[in-house]
């Protein structure tokens, strides 16, 4: 974890119930994967190094390269998986704004198309 804090309820109009904010760095080794999962709220990430192959619920992969910004919408219908098919580790700087009491991510079964 690079940084974290809580936004109290009522402080920001676009976060009326408050939230936990966390910025962390994630490393995915070559051949590694995040597994299928979803987030309860939108997340934002910067690909600091490597190439991430990232299929969503429709199983169509999007490829993100060094310097790209990833925006993942929250919700159970937005399952996805990140895979490193490259030869160097993928390093992501990820910002989560998570509702209080919710985990940063929730494991999910792979969609039927996977």
N, C-alpha and C. Protein backbone atom coordinates (compact mmCIF):
# COMPACT_ATOMS: atom_id res chain seq x y z
N UNK A 1 0.84 -1.18 0.00
CA UNK A 1 0.00 0.00 0.00
C UNK A 1 0.89 1.24 0.00
N UNK A 2 0.65 2.11 -0.96
CA UNK A 2 1.42 3.35 -1.05
C UNK A 2 0.79 4.46 -0.22
N UNK A 3 -0.53 4.47 -0.13
CA UNK A 3 -1.25 5.48 0.66
C UNK A 3 -2.67 4.99 0.91
N UNK A 4 -3.26 5.45 2.01
CA UNK A 4 -4.66 5.14 2.28
C UNK A 4 -5.25 6.16 3.24
N UNK A 5 -6.55 6.35 3.12
CA UNK A 5 -7.27 7.26 4.01
C UNK A 5 -8.76 6.95 3.90
N UNK A 6 -9.54 7.54 4.77
CA UNK A 6 -10.99 7.42 4.72
C UNK A 6 -11.60 8.77 4.38
N UNK A 7 -12.63 8.75 3.56
CA UNK A 7 -13.41 9.95 3.26
C UNK A 7 -14.68 9.84 4.09
N UNK A 8 -14.86 10.72 5.07
CA UNK A 8 -16.06 10.64 5.91
C UNK A 8 -17.34 10.92 5.11
N UNK A 9 -18.43 10.32 5.54
CA UNK A 9 -19.74 10.57 4.92
C UNK A 9 -20.04 12.06 4.95
N UNK A 10 -20.56 12.57 3.84
CA UNK A 10 -20.97 13.97 3.77
C UNK A 10 -19.86 14.94 3.41
N UNK A 11 -18.60 14.52 3.39
CA UNK A 11 -17.49 15.45 3.09
C UNK A 11 -17.50 15.86 1.62
N UNK A 12 -17.69 14.88 0.73
CA UNK A 12 -17.69 15.16 -0.70
C UNK A 12 -19.05 14.77 -1.28
N UNK A 13 -19.66 15.65 -2.06
CA UNK A 13 -21.00 15.35 -2.57
C UNK A 13 -21.05 14.13 -3.49
N UNK A 14 -19.95 13.80 -4.16
CA UNK A 14 -19.94 12.64 -5.06
C UNK A 14 -19.58 11.35 -4.34
N UNK A 15 -19.33 11.43 -3.03
CA UNK A 15 -19.11 10.24 -2.18
C UNK A 15 -19.97 10.42 -0.93
N UNK A 16 -21.31 10.44 -1.09
CA UNK A 16 -22.19 10.81 0.02
C UNK A 16 -22.11 9.90 1.23
N UNK A 17 -21.82 8.61 1.02
CA UNK A 17 -21.77 7.67 2.14
C UNK A 17 -20.36 7.49 2.69
N UNK A 18 -19.40 8.18 2.11
CA UNK A 18 -18.01 8.02 2.51
C UNK A 18 -17.40 6.79 1.84
N UNK A 19 -16.08 6.65 1.97
CA UNK A 19 -15.39 5.52 1.35
C UNK A 19 -13.97 5.41 1.89
N UNK A 20 -13.39 4.26 1.67
CA UNK A 20 -11.99 4.04 1.98
C UNK A 20 -11.20 4.20 0.68
N UNK A 21 -10.14 5.00 0.71
CA UNK A 21 -9.30 5.24 -0.46
C UNK A 21 -7.96 4.57 -0.22
N UNK A 22 -7.52 3.80 -1.21
CA UNK A 22 -6.23 3.13 -1.09
C UNK A 22 -5.52 3.15 -2.44
N UNK A 23 -4.23 3.51 -2.40
CA UNK A 23 -3.38 3.46 -3.57
C UNK A 23 -2.33 2.40 -3.30
N UNK A 24 -2.22 1.44 -4.21
CA UNK A 24 -1.26 0.36 -4.00
C UNK A 24 -0.60 -0.02 -5.31
N UNK A 25 0.52 -0.67 -5.18
CA UNK A 25 1.23 -1.16 -6.36
C UNK A 25 1.05 -2.67 -6.44
N UNK A 26 0.69 -3.15 -7.62
CA UNK A 26 0.47 -4.57 -7.85
C UNK A 26 1.48 -5.06 -8.87
N UNK A 27 2.08 -6.19 -8.59
CA UNK A 27 3.06 -6.78 -9.49
C UNK A 27 2.53 -8.14 -9.94
N UNK A 28 2.51 -8.36 -11.26
CA UNK A 28 2.07 -9.63 -11.83
C UNK A 28 3.26 -10.19 -12.62
N UNK A 29 3.77 -11.29 -12.16
CA UNK A 29 4.94 -11.90 -12.79
C UNK A 29 4.56 -12.48 -14.16
N UNK A 30 5.54 -12.66 -15.06
CA UNK A 30 5.25 -13.29 -16.36
C UNK A 30 4.51 -14.61 -16.17
N UNK A 31 3.44 -14.80 -16.93
CA UNK A 31 2.62 -15.99 -16.80
C UNK A 31 1.59 -15.91 -15.70
N UNK A 32 1.63 -14.86 -14.89
CA UNK A 32 0.71 -14.72 -13.76
C UNK A 32 -0.61 -14.09 -14.15
N UNK A 33 -1.56 -14.21 -13.24
CA UNK A 33 -2.90 -13.66 -13.47
C UNK A 33 -3.49 -13.16 -12.16
N UNK A 34 -4.44 -12.27 -12.26
CA UNK A 34 -5.16 -11.80 -11.08
C UNK A 34 -6.29 -12.74 -10.71
N UNK A 35 -6.67 -13.63 -11.64
CA UNK A 35 -7.88 -14.43 -11.46
C UNK A 35 -9.09 -13.55 -11.77
N UNK A 36 -10.20 -14.19 -12.05
CA UNK A 36 -11.43 -13.44 -12.35
C UNK A 36 -11.95 -12.81 -11.08
N UNK A 37 -12.32 -11.53 -11.16
CA UNK A 37 -12.79 -10.79 -9.99
C UNK A 37 -13.55 -9.54 -10.45
N UNK A 38 -14.12 -8.85 -9.48
CA UNK A 38 -14.75 -7.56 -9.74
C UNK A 38 -14.51 -6.66 -8.54
N UNK A 39 -14.83 -5.39 -8.71
CA UNK A 39 -14.69 -4.40 -7.64
C UNK A 39 -16.07 -3.81 -7.38
N UNK A 40 -16.30 -3.41 -6.14
CA UNK A 40 -17.60 -2.83 -5.78
C UNK A 40 -17.73 -1.37 -6.22
N UNK A 41 -16.63 -0.76 -6.64
CA UNK A 41 -16.65 0.62 -7.14
C UNK A 41 -15.62 0.73 -8.25
N UNK A 42 -15.71 1.79 -9.04
CA UNK A 42 -14.75 2.00 -10.11
C UNK A 42 -13.33 2.06 -9.55
N UNK A 43 -12.38 1.55 -10.33
CA UNK A 43 -10.97 1.71 -9.96
C UNK A 43 -10.22 2.29 -11.15
N UNK A 44 -9.07 2.86 -10.85
CA UNK A 44 -8.22 3.49 -11.86
C UNK A 44 -6.80 2.98 -11.64
N UNK A 45 -6.11 2.70 -12.74
CA UNK A 45 -4.75 2.18 -12.62
C UNK A 45 -3.86 2.74 -13.72
N UNK A 46 -2.59 2.85 -13.41
CA UNK A 46 -1.56 3.22 -14.37
C UNK A 46 -0.68 2.00 -14.57
N UNK A 47 -0.45 1.63 -15.84
CA UNK A 47 0.49 0.56 -16.13
C UNK A 47 1.89 1.18 -16.09
N UNK A 48 2.59 0.89 -15.03
CA UNK A 48 3.93 1.46 -14.85
C UNK A 48 4.96 0.69 -15.67
N UNK A 49 4.74 -0.62 -15.83
CA UNK A 49 5.69 -1.45 -16.57
C UNK A 49 4.97 -2.65 -17.15
N UNK A 50 5.38 -3.07 -18.34
CA UNK A 50 4.88 -4.31 -18.93
C UNK A 50 3.63 -4.14 -19.76
N UNK A 51 3.05 -5.27 -20.13
CA UNK A 51 1.84 -5.33 -20.95
C UNK A 51 0.83 -6.24 -20.26
N UNK A 52 -0.36 -5.72 -20.02
CA UNK A 52 -1.42 -6.46 -19.34
C UNK A 52 -2.51 -6.82 -20.34
N UNK A 53 -2.80 -8.11 -20.45
CA UNK A 53 -3.93 -8.57 -21.25
C UNK A 53 -5.11 -8.70 -20.31
N UNK A 54 -6.21 -8.04 -20.66
CA UNK A 54 -7.27 -7.79 -19.69
C UNK A 54 -8.64 -8.07 -20.29
N UNK A 55 -9.10 -9.35 -20.32
CA UNK A 55 -10.46 -9.61 -20.81
C UNK A 55 -11.51 -9.20 -19.78
N UNK A 56 -12.61 -8.71 -20.30
CA UNK A 56 -13.75 -8.36 -19.45
C UNK A 56 -14.79 -9.48 -19.55
N UNK A 57 -15.99 -9.24 -19.06
CA UNK A 57 -17.04 -10.27 -19.01
C UNK A 57 -17.41 -10.83 -20.38
N UNK A 58 -17.15 -10.08 -21.45
CA UNK A 58 -17.43 -10.56 -22.80
C UNK A 58 -16.26 -11.38 -23.36
N UNK A 59 -15.21 -11.55 -22.57
CA UNK A 59 -14.00 -12.33 -22.91
C UNK A 59 -13.17 -11.71 -24.02
N UNK A 60 -13.51 -10.52 -24.46
CA UNK A 60 -12.70 -9.84 -25.46
C UNK A 60 -11.57 -9.10 -24.74
N UNK A 61 -10.32 -9.50 -24.99
CA UNK A 61 -9.22 -8.88 -24.25
C UNK A 61 -8.90 -7.48 -24.76
N UNK A 62 -8.58 -6.63 -23.82
CA UNK A 62 -8.02 -5.32 -24.09
C UNK A 62 -6.57 -5.40 -23.63
N UNK A 63 -5.65 -4.89 -24.42
CA UNK A 63 -4.24 -4.94 -24.07
C UNK A 63 -3.80 -3.55 -23.64
N UNK A 64 -3.26 -3.48 -22.42
CA UNK A 64 -2.75 -2.23 -21.87
C UNK A 64 -1.24 -2.31 -21.79
N UNK A 65 -0.57 -1.23 -22.24
CA UNK A 65 0.89 -1.18 -22.25
C UNK A 65 1.40 -0.11 -21.30
N UNK A 66 2.69 -0.12 -21.07
CA UNK A 66 3.32 0.86 -20.19
C UNK A 66 2.82 2.27 -20.52
N UNK A 67 2.38 2.99 -19.50
CA UNK A 67 1.88 4.35 -19.65
C UNK A 67 0.38 4.45 -19.84
N UNK A 68 -0.28 3.33 -20.11
CA UNK A 68 -1.74 3.35 -20.30
C UNK A 68 -2.46 3.50 -18.97
N UNK A 69 -3.63 4.10 -19.02
CA UNK A 69 -4.53 4.23 -17.87
C UNK A 69 -5.66 3.22 -18.05
N UNK A 70 -5.96 2.50 -16.98
CA UNK A 70 -7.06 1.53 -16.98
C UNK A 70 -8.17 2.08 -16.10
N UNK A 71 -9.38 2.07 -16.61
CA UNK A 71 -10.56 2.42 -15.83
C UNK A 71 -11.45 1.18 -15.81
N UNK A 72 -11.66 0.63 -14.63
CA UNK A 72 -12.52 -0.56 -14.49
C UNK A 72 -13.79 -0.15 -13.77
N UNK A 73 -14.94 -0.29 -14.42
CA UNK A 73 -16.19 0.02 -13.74
C UNK A 73 -16.49 -0.99 -12.65
N UNK A 74 -17.11 -0.53 -11.59
CA UNK A 74 -17.46 -1.39 -10.47
C UNK A 74 -18.71 -2.20 -10.74
N UNK A 75 -18.90 -3.24 -9.94
CA UNK A 75 -20.11 -4.03 -10.00
C UNK A 75 -19.88 -5.45 -10.45
N UNK A 76 -20.77 -6.34 -9.99
CA UNK A 76 -20.66 -7.78 -10.29
C UNK A 76 -20.73 -8.07 -11.79
N UNK A 77 -21.38 -7.23 -12.55
CA UNK A 77 -21.49 -7.48 -13.99
C UNK A 77 -20.20 -7.12 -14.73
N UNK A 78 -19.24 -6.55 -14.04
CA UNK A 78 -17.99 -6.13 -14.67
C UNK A 78 -16.81 -7.00 -14.24
N UNK A 79 -17.00 -8.32 -14.29
CA UNK A 79 -15.90 -9.22 -13.95
C UNK A 79 -14.81 -9.10 -15.00
N UNK A 80 -13.59 -9.34 -14.57
CA UNK A 80 -12.45 -9.23 -15.47
C UNK A 80 -11.27 -9.99 -14.87
N UNK A 81 -10.24 -10.14 -15.70
CA UNK A 81 -9.03 -10.82 -15.28
C UNK A 81 -7.86 -10.11 -15.92
N UNK A 82 -6.78 -9.96 -15.17
CA UNK A 82 -5.55 -9.39 -15.73
C UNK A 82 -4.52 -10.50 -15.86
N UNK A 83 -3.90 -10.62 -17.03
CA UNK A 83 -2.91 -11.67 -17.27
C UNK A 83 -1.65 -11.06 -17.87
N UNK A 84 -0.52 -11.54 -17.41
CA UNK A 84 0.76 -11.10 -17.95
C UNK A 84 1.27 -12.18 -18.90
N UNK A 85 1.13 -11.94 -20.19
CA UNK A 85 1.62 -12.87 -21.20
C UNK A 85 3.02 -12.50 -21.67
N UNK A 86 3.58 -11.44 -21.08
CA UNK A 86 4.89 -10.95 -21.49
C UNK A 86 6.05 -11.62 -20.77
N UNK A 87 7.23 -11.04 -20.95
CA UNK A 87 8.47 -11.59 -20.38
C UNK A 87 9.01 -10.79 -19.21
N UNK A 88 8.37 -9.65 -18.90
CA UNK A 88 8.77 -8.84 -17.75
C UNK A 88 7.56 -8.68 -16.83
N UNK A 89 7.80 -8.45 -15.54
CA UNK A 89 6.66 -8.24 -14.63
C UNK A 89 5.80 -7.04 -15.06
N UNK A 90 4.50 -7.17 -14.87
CA UNK A 90 3.58 -6.04 -15.03
C UNK A 90 3.51 -5.36 -13.67
N UNK A 91 3.69 -4.06 -13.67
CA UNK A 91 3.56 -3.29 -12.43
C UNK A 91 2.47 -2.25 -12.64
N UNK A 92 1.46 -2.29 -11.77
CA UNK A 92 0.32 -1.39 -11.83
C UNK A 92 0.27 -0.53 -10.57
N UNK A 93 0.01 0.76 -10.73
CA UNK A 93 -0.33 1.62 -9.60
C UNK A 93 -1.84 1.76 -9.63
N UNK A 94 -2.52 1.25 -8.61
CA UNK A 94 -3.97 1.13 -8.60
C UNK A 94 -4.57 2.00 -7.50
N UNK A 95 -5.63 2.72 -7.85
CA UNK A 95 -6.35 3.56 -6.89
C UNK A 95 -7.75 3.00 -6.73
N UNK A 96 -8.08 2.60 -5.50
CA UNK A 96 -9.41 2.09 -5.17
C UNK A 96 -10.11 3.10 -4.28
N UNK A 97 -11.37 3.39 -4.58
CA UNK A 97 -12.25 4.14 -3.69
C UNK A 97 -13.38 3.17 -3.38
N UNK A 98 -13.26 2.49 -2.24
CA UNK A 98 -14.11 1.36 -1.91
C UNK A 98 -15.14 1.75 -0.85
N UNK A 99 -16.40 1.36 -1.02
CA UNK A 99 -17.39 1.60 0.03
C UNK A 99 -16.93 0.98 1.35
N UNK A 100 -17.22 1.64 2.45
CA UNK A 100 -16.86 1.11 3.77
C UNK A 100 -17.40 -0.31 3.92
N UNK A 101 -16.57 -1.18 4.46
CA UNK A 101 -16.98 -2.55 4.73
C UNK A 101 -16.85 -3.50 3.56
N UNK A 102 -16.42 -3.01 2.40
CA UNK A 102 -16.26 -3.86 1.22
C UNK A 102 -14.77 -4.14 0.99
N UNK A 103 -14.44 -5.31 0.42
CA UNK A 103 -13.05 -5.61 0.11
C UNK A 103 -12.59 -4.84 -1.14
N UNK A 104 -11.29 -4.81 -1.38
CA UNK A 104 -10.75 -4.14 -2.56
C UNK A 104 -11.20 -4.83 -3.84
N UNK A 105 -11.35 -6.16 -3.79
CA UNK A 105 -11.87 -6.90 -4.93
C UNK A 105 -12.58 -8.14 -4.41
N UNK A 106 -13.42 -8.72 -5.26
CA UNK A 106 -14.15 -9.92 -4.88
C UNK A 106 -13.96 -10.96 -5.97
N UNK A 107 -13.53 -12.17 -5.57
CA UNK A 107 -13.35 -13.25 -6.54
C UNK A 107 -14.66 -13.58 -7.21
N UNK A 108 -14.57 -14.01 -8.47
CA UNK A 108 -15.76 -14.32 -9.24
C UNK A 108 -15.46 -15.51 -10.15
N UNK A 109 -16.44 -16.33 -10.44
CA UNK A 109 -16.21 -17.39 -11.43
C UNK A 109 -15.98 -16.75 -12.80
N UNK A 110 -15.24 -17.46 -13.62
CA UNK A 110 -15.01 -16.99 -15.00
C UNK A 110 -16.34 -16.99 -15.75
N UNK A 111 -16.53 -16.05 -16.65
CA UNK A 111 -17.76 -16.07 -17.45
C UNK A 111 -17.80 -17.29 -18.36
N UNK A 112 -18.97 -17.65 -18.85
CA UNK A 112 -19.12 -18.86 -19.65
C UNK A 112 -18.30 -18.84 -20.94
N UNK A 113 -17.95 -17.64 -21.42
CA UNK A 113 -17.17 -17.56 -22.66
C UNK A 113 -15.68 -17.80 -22.44
N UNK A 114 -15.24 -17.83 -21.20
CA UNK A 114 -13.79 -17.97 -20.91
C UNK A 114 -13.31 -19.41 -21.09
